[in-house]
Amino acid sequence: MDNNSVITMFTLSGLNGMANYRGTLFALTLLCYCVIWLVNLTIIVVIIMDKSLHEPMYIFLCNLCINGLYGTTGFYPKFLIDLLSTTHVISYAGCFLQGFVLHSSACADFSLLALMAFDRYVAICRPLVYHSVMTKQRVCLFVFFAWLIPFYLMFLSSITTLISKLCGSHIPKIYCVNTLIGNLACSASIAKIIIPAFNYTFYFGHVIFVVWSYIYLIRACRTSKEGRSKFMQTCLPHLISLIVVVVTLLFDLLYMRFGSQTLSQSVKNFMAMEFILIPPTINPLIYGFKLTKIRNRIQSFLNCKFHS
């Protein structure tokens, strides 16, 4: 193929050889997608409807759940259609759109988790200045940039890949990602190396910032019983969420870079789905069970429905 205008479709090979399991996979995937919508939408609605939850920590959590729905919407509808089809193709524009959604969602996760770590650091380590630092206007600004920066960085990354001349249309995965599309380029480019390297470094910096925040949080909380209780109540769910996101993304990134071709297709698909299955499901459950205000609000709603 002489240039990228020739390519109008990409083929996805992740479901090859799995025809016998498509019905079961479709049912399980649809169930997972429904659960993801249920748990995330519950947290979102509870936070929006209850004015006592209009605090920075809960606003960031609400956005984290919205991002979970945004990211999974970029994968599950297309994957469910593929499970019902004998041909697994995606349009040129659709492939880039899916890659953009999945990448920007993963980056927004890190941005929002970093904001939540900053919020907990100020609340616990600098309580006297908390309300002057985390004002309504500043929180809105933080949230705006938590969405804008991932969108902007992934837009640059997608544009870099989009303008490359492609010499292939086969993607060895169940969804599109910029890295695999970039591997189809006829020639390497400096931008294709520099922009992803910057993005990885930028979001690795987010992880370092969160680790730094927790070093100070642990130091501040270990001196008193009240501090330890506050840490377990509000910081532990955030820490678990961060670990889940980092581990699942690392598995996927390391597999794409260094993965063995001897693994079964089922294992490859599970590793590819980890970060769009585990964090969007686990995060709202962790916060829903651990944060007292949210748990009590959900329980009171369920009790009202039960007694009515």
Protein backbone atom coordinates (compact mmCIF):
# COMPACT_ATOMS: atom_id res chain seq x y z
CA MET A 1 0.00 0.00 0.00
CA ASP A 2 1.41 3.33 -1.07
CA ASN A 3 -0.22 5.57 1.49
CA ASN A 4 -2.69 5.65 4.32
CA SER A 5 -5.57 6.76 2.08
CA VAL A 6 -5.67 3.22 0.62
CA ILE A 7 -6.54 1.72 3.98
CA THR A 8 -10.22 2.06 4.85
CA MET A 9 -10.55 -0.83 7.32
CA PHE A 10 -8.42 -2.56 9.92
CA THR A 11 -8.76 -6.23 10.86
CA LEU A 12 -8.69 -7.29 14.52
CA SER A 13 -7.35 -10.78 15.13
CA GLY A 14 -7.94 -11.15 18.87
CA LEU A 15 -11.04 -13.34 18.48
CA ASN A 16 -9.61 -15.73 15.90
CA GLY A 17 -10.05 -19.37 16.92
CA MET A 18 -12.66 -18.59 19.59
CA ALA A 19 -15.83 -19.31 17.59
CA ASN A 20 -16.94 -22.07 19.98
CA TYR A 21 -16.99 -19.72 22.96
CA ARG A 22 -18.58 -16.63 21.41
CA GLY A 23 -22.02 -17.17 22.97
CA THR A 24 -20.60 -17.60 26.46
CA LEU A 25 -18.19 -14.69 26.00
CA PHE A 26 -21.02 -12.46 24.76
CA ALA A 27 -23.17 -13.23 27.82
CA LEU A 28 -20.28 -12.67 30.26
CA THR A 29 -19.14 -9.48 28.52
CA LEU A 30 -22.65 -8.05 28.45
CA LEU A 31 -23.05 -8.87 32.15
CA CYS A 32 -19.72 -7.17 32.97
CA TYR A 33 -20.68 -4.09 30.96
CA CYS A 34 -24.05 -3.86 32.71
CA VAL A 35 -22.37 -4.20 36.13
CA ILE A 36 -19.87 -1.46 35.21
CA TRP A 37 -22.72 0.89 34.25
CA LEU A 38 -24.72 -0.01 37.36
CA VAL A 39 -21.97 0.54 39.94
CA ASN A 40 -20.51 3.66 38.33
CA LEU A 41 -23.87 5.26 37.61
CA THR A 42 -24.96 4.58 41.21
CA ILE A 43 -21.97 6.50 42.60
CA ILE A 44 -22.43 9.33 40.07
CA VAL A 45 -26.15 9.77 40.81
CA VAL A 46 -25.65 9.58 44.59
CA ILE A 47 -22.96 12.28 44.52
CA ILE A 48 -24.91 14.56 42.17
CA MET A 49 -28.21 14.24 44.07
CA ASP A 50 -26.82 14.60 47.60
CA LYS A 51 -25.63 18.17 48.24
CA SER A 52 -23.69 17.07 51.33
CA LEU A 53 -21.40 15.15 48.95
CA HIS A 54 -20.53 18.22 46.89
CA GLU A 55 -17.03 18.25 48.34
CA PRO A 56 -13.71 18.02 46.42
CA MET A 57 -13.05 14.35 47.24
CA TYR A 58 -16.50 13.26 46.05
CA ILE A 59 -16.41 15.53 42.99
CA PHE A 60 -13.14 13.90 41.93
CA LEU A 61 -14.64 10.46 42.61
CA CYS A 62 -17.69 11.34 40.50
CA ASN A 63 -15.40 12.27 37.62
CA LEU A 64 -13.41 9.05 38.09
CA CYS A 65 -16.63 7.07 37.65
CA ILE A 66 -17.67 9.16 34.63
CA ASN A 67 -14.25 8.42 33.13
CA GLY A 68 -14.81 4.71 33.79
CA LEU A 69 -18.00 4.83 31.72
CA TYR A 70 -16.32 6.91 29.03
CA GLY A 71 -13.41 4.49 28.64
CA THR A 72 -15.48 1.30 28.64
CA THR A 73 -17.89 2.78 26.07
CA GLY A 74 -14.91 2.94 23.71
CA PHE A 75 -14.50 -0.83 23.93
CA TYR A 76 -17.51 -2.90 25.00
CA PRO A 77 -20.15 -2.00 22.32
CA LYS A 78 -17.69 -2.77 19.49
CA PHE A 79 -16.45 -5.93 21.24
CA LEU A 80 -20.01 -7.20 21.74
CA ILE A 81 -20.73 -6.65 18.03
CA ASP A 82 -17.55 -8.56 17.12
CA LEU A 83 -18.63 -11.49 19.29
CA LEU A 84 -21.80 -11.78 17.19
CA SER A 85 -19.95 -11.43 13.88
CA THR A 86 -17.76 -13.79 11.88
CA THR A 87 -15.62 -10.92 10.55
CA HIS A 88 -13.77 -8.63 12.93
CA VAL A 89 -13.03 -5.34 11.20
CA ILE A 90 -13.14 -1.70 12.20
CA SER A 91 -13.17 1.40 10.03
CA TYR A 92 -10.09 3.59 9.69
CA ALA A 93 -11.73 6.48 11.56
CA GLY A 94 -13.32 4.11 14.10
CA CYS A 95 -9.95 2.56 14.92
CA PHE A 96 -8.36 5.93 15.65
CA LEU A 97 -11.40 7.03 17.66
CA GLN A 98 -11.30 3.85 19.76
CA GLY A 99 -7.58 4.27 20.37
CA PHE A 100 -8.09 7.90 21.38
CA VAL A 101 -10.93 7.05 23.81
CA LEU A 102 -9.05 4.18 25.49
CA HIS A 103 -5.78 6.10 25.79
CA SER A 104 -7.35 9.36 27.01
CA SER A 105 -9.46 7.45 29.54
CA ALA A 106 -6.39 5.69 30.97
CA CYS A 107 -4.54 9.01 31.23
CA ALA A 108 -7.54 10.75 32.82
CA ASP A 109 -7.54 8.00 35.46
CA PHE A 110 -4.03 9.00 36.49
CA SER A 111 -4.89 12.72 36.45
CA LEU A 112 -7.95 12.22 38.66
CA LEU A 113 -6.15 9.86 41.05
CA ALA A 114 -3.35 12.43 41.39
CA LEU A 115 -5.94 15.10 42.22
CA MET A 116 -7.51 12.82 44.81
CA ALA A 117 -4.08 12.25 46.38
CA PHE A 118 -3.47 16.01 46.50
CA ASP A 119 -6.90 16.53 48.09
CA ARG A 120 -6.17 13.96 50.81
CA TYR A 121 -2.70 15.42 51.40
CA VAL A 122 -4.08 18.93 51.97
CA ALA A 123 -7.03 17.65 54.06
CA ILE A 124 -4.88 15.57 56.41
CA CYS A 125 -1.46 17.23 56.39
CA ARG A 126 -2.61 20.87 56.00
CA PRO A 127 -6.14 20.91 57.47
CA LEU A 128 -6.08 24.59 58.50
CA VAL A 129 -5.66 25.76 54.90
CA TYR A 130 -7.81 23.08 53.26
CA HIS A 131 -10.84 25.27 52.54
CA SER A 132 -8.71 28.14 51.28
CA VAL A 133 -6.77 25.83 48.94
CA MET A 134 -9.61 23.59 47.71
CA THR A 135 -12.08 26.33 46.80
CA LYS A 136 -15.01 25.64 44.47
CA GLN A 137 -13.39 27.60 41.64
CA ARG A 138 -10.05 25.84 42.06
CA VAL A 139 -11.67 22.41 42.18
CA CYS A 140 -13.52 23.18 38.92
CA LEU A 141 -10.22 24.27 37.37
CA PHE A 142 -8.48 21.09 38.55
CA VAL A 143 -11.22 18.93 37.07
CA PHE A 144 -11.16 20.87 33.79
CA PHE A 145 -7.42 20.31 33.34
CA ALA A 146 -7.68 16.68 34.50
CA TRP A 147 -9.82 16.11 31.39
CA LEU A 148 -8.19 18.64 29.03
CA ILE A 149 -4.57 17.51 29.38
CA PRO A 150 -5.21 13.80 28.60
CA PHE A 151 -7.42 14.79 25.66
CA TYR A 152 -4.78 17.17 24.32
CA LEU A 153 -1.85 14.75 24.72
CA MET A 154 -3.75 11.86 23.18
CA PHE A 155 -4.94 14.10 20.35
CA LEU A 156 -1.30 14.91 19.53
CA SER A 157 -0.40 11.23 19.71
CA SER A 158 -3.33 10.25 17.48
CA ILE A 159 -2.54 12.98 14.93
CA THR A 160 1.08 11.80 14.77
CA THR A 161 -0.09 8.28 14.00
CA LEU A 162 -2.84 9.48 11.66
CA ILE A 163 -0.46 11.34 9.33
CA SER A 164 1.91 8.38 9.07
CA LYS A 165 1.89 6.31 5.91
CA LEU A 166 0.70 2.81 6.76
CA CYS A 167 1.84 -0.38 5.04
CA GLY A 168 -0.56 -2.77 6.74
CA SER A 169 -4.04 -3.09 8.20
CA HIS A 170 -3.78 -6.04 10.58
CA ILE A 171 -3.97 -5.35 14.35
CA PRO A 172 -3.19 -8.39 16.56
CA LYS A 173 -5.55 -7.38 19.35
CA ILE A 174 -9.26 -7.18 20.19
CA TYR A 175 -9.22 -3.36 20.05
CA CYS A 176 -7.20 -0.54 18.48
CA VAL A 177 -4.34 1.20 20.26
CA ASN A 178 -2.00 3.86 18.87
CA THR A 179 1.09 1.74 19.49
CA LEU A 180 -0.10 -1.10 17.27
CA ILE A 181 -1.37 1.28 14.57
CA GLY A 182 2.01 3.03 14.68
CA ASN A 183 3.75 -0.32 14.17
CA LEU A 184 2.05 -0.50 10.76
CA ALA A 185 3.81 2.69 9.59
CA CYS A 186 5.99 2.30 6.51
CA SER A 187 8.79 4.29 8.14
CA ALA A 188 9.73 5.40 11.62
CA SER A 189 9.47 9.04 12.69
CA ILE A 190 11.00 11.01 15.53
CA ALA A 191 7.58 12.34 16.61
CA LYS A 192 6.28 8.78 16.95
CA ILE A 193 9.02 8.17 19.53
CA ILE A 194 9.15 11.54 21.30
CA ILE A 195 5.41 12.06 21.95
CA PRO A 196 4.75 8.61 23.52
CA ALA A 197 7.97 8.95 25.55
CA PHE A 198 6.81 12.35 26.84
CA ASN A 199 3.35 10.96 27.68
CA TYR A 200 4.78 7.99 29.59
CA THR A 201 7.17 10.27 31.50
CA PHE A 202 4.43 12.81 32.25
CA TYR A 203 2.07 10.21 33.75
CA PHE A 204 4.87 8.37 35.51
CA GLY A 205 5.38 11.73 37.21
CA HIS A 206 1.77 11.51 38.39
CA VAL A 207 2.55 8.17 40.06
CA ILE A 208 5.66 9.63 41.72
CA PHE A 209 3.57 12.56 42.99
CA VAL A 210 1.00 10.18 44.50
CA VAL A 211 3.75 8.11 46.17
CA TRP A 212 5.28 11.31 47.57
CA SER A 213 1.85 12.39 48.88
CA TYR A 214 1.33 9.07 50.62
CA ILE A 215 4.71 9.19 52.30
CA TYR A 216 3.61 12.42 53.99
CA LEU A 217 0.10 11.08 54.62
CA ILE A 218 1.39 7.98 56.38
CA ARG A 219 3.77 10.06 58.48
CA ALA A 220 0.94 12.40 59.50
CA CYS A 221 -1.59 9.66 60.23
CA ARG A 222 0.50 7.19 62.19
CA THR A 223 0.88 9.50 65.19
CA SER A 224 -2.77 9.37 66.29
CA LYS A 225 -5.67 6.94 66.36
CA GLU A 226 -7.92 9.52 64.70
CA GLY A 227 -5.36 10.01 61.93
CA ARG A 228 -5.10 6.28 61.30
CA SER A 229 -8.88 6.01 61.19
CA LYS A 230 -9.12 8.88 58.69
CA PHE A 231 -6.41 7.26 56.54
CA MET A 232 -8.21 3.91 56.48
CA GLN A 233 -11.52 5.60 55.72
CA THR A 234 -10.58 7.94 52.87
CA CYS A 235 -7.02 7.17 51.75
CA LEU A 236 -7.04 3.37 51.61
CA PRO A 237 -9.73 3.19 48.86
CA HIS A 238 -7.74 5.69 46.81
CA LEU A 239 -4.52 3.74 47.32
CA ILE A 240 -6.19 0.49 46.25
CA SER A 241 -7.63 2.22 43.16
CA LEU A 242 -4.22 3.55 42.21
CA ILE A 243 -2.58 0.14 42.61
CA VAL A 244 -5.31 -1.52 40.51
CA VAL A 245 -4.96 1.04 37.70
CA VAL A 246 -1.15 0.98 37.67
CA VAL A 247 -0.85 -2.82 37.79
CA THR A 248 -3.46 -3.49 35.08
CA LEU A 249 -1.97 -0.86 32.73
CA LEU A 250 1.57 -2.10 33.37
CA PHE A 251 0.54 -5.66 32.50
CA ASP A 252 -0.94 -4.49 29.21
CA LEU A 253 1.96 -2.17 28.30
CA LEU A 254 4.65 -4.70 29.20
CA TYR A 255 2.85 -7.42 27.29
CA MET A 256 2.56 -5.21 24.16
CA ARG A 257 6.27 -4.43 24.36
CA PHE A 258 7.76 -7.72 25.52
CA GLY A 259 4.92 -10.29 25.51
CA SER A 260 5.50 -13.88 24.45
CA GLN A 261 3.77 -15.12 21.33
CA THR A 262 3.45 -18.59 22.88
CA LEU A 263 0.62 -17.51 25.21
CA SER A 264 -2.87 -18.71 24.35
CA GLN A 265 -5.25 -16.27 22.70
CA SER A 266 -7.54 -16.39 25.75
CA VAL A 267 -4.71 -15.23 28.05
CA LYS A 268 -3.74 -12.49 25.59
CA ASN A 269 -7.34 -11.24 25.45
CA PHE A 270 -7.69 -11.23 29.24
CA MET A 271 -4.47 -9.22 29.62
CA ALA A 272 -5.74 -6.80 26.98
CA MET A 273 -9.08 -6.39 28.80
CA GLU A 274 -7.72 -6.01 32.33
CA PHE A 275 -7.56 -2.21 32.44
CA ILE A 276 -11.05 -1.81 30.89
CA LEU A 277 -12.58 -4.47 33.12
CA ILE A 278 -11.03 -4.40 36.60
CA PRO A 279 -10.62 -0.65 37.46
CA PRO A 280 -14.09 0.46 36.23
CA THR A 281 -15.68 -2.35 38.25
CA ILE A 282 -13.53 -2.31 41.38
CA ASN A 283 -13.15 1.46 41.91
CA PRO A 284 -16.82 2.34 42.54
CA LEU A 285 -17.29 -0.80 44.66
CA ILE A 286 -14.31 0.08 46.86
CA TYR A 287 -15.50 3.65 47.39
CA GLY A 288 -19.13 2.62 47.75
CA PHE A 289 -18.34 0.16 50.53
CA LYS A 290 -15.57 2.12 52.26
CA LEU A 291 -16.74 5.75 52.24
CA THR A 292 -19.34 6.08 54.99
CA LYS A 293 -21.33 8.94 53.47
CA ILE A 294 -21.81 7.19 50.14
CA ARG A 295 -22.54 3.83 51.76
CA ASN A 296 -25.14 5.35 54.10
CA ARG A 297 -26.79 7.26 51.25
CA ILE A 298 -27.10 4.09 49.15
CA GLN A 299 -28.41 2.11 52.13
CA SER A 300 -31.04 4.74 52.93
CA PHE A 301 -32.19 4.77 49.30
CA LEU A 302 -32.45 0.97 49.23
CA ASN A 303 -34.35 0.97 52.56
CA CYS A 304 -36.83 3.53 51.21
CA LYS A 305 -37.41 1.42 48.10
CA PHE A 306 -37.77 -1.76 50.17
CA HIS A 307 -40.31 -0.28 52.62
CA SER A 308 -42.30 1.44 49.91
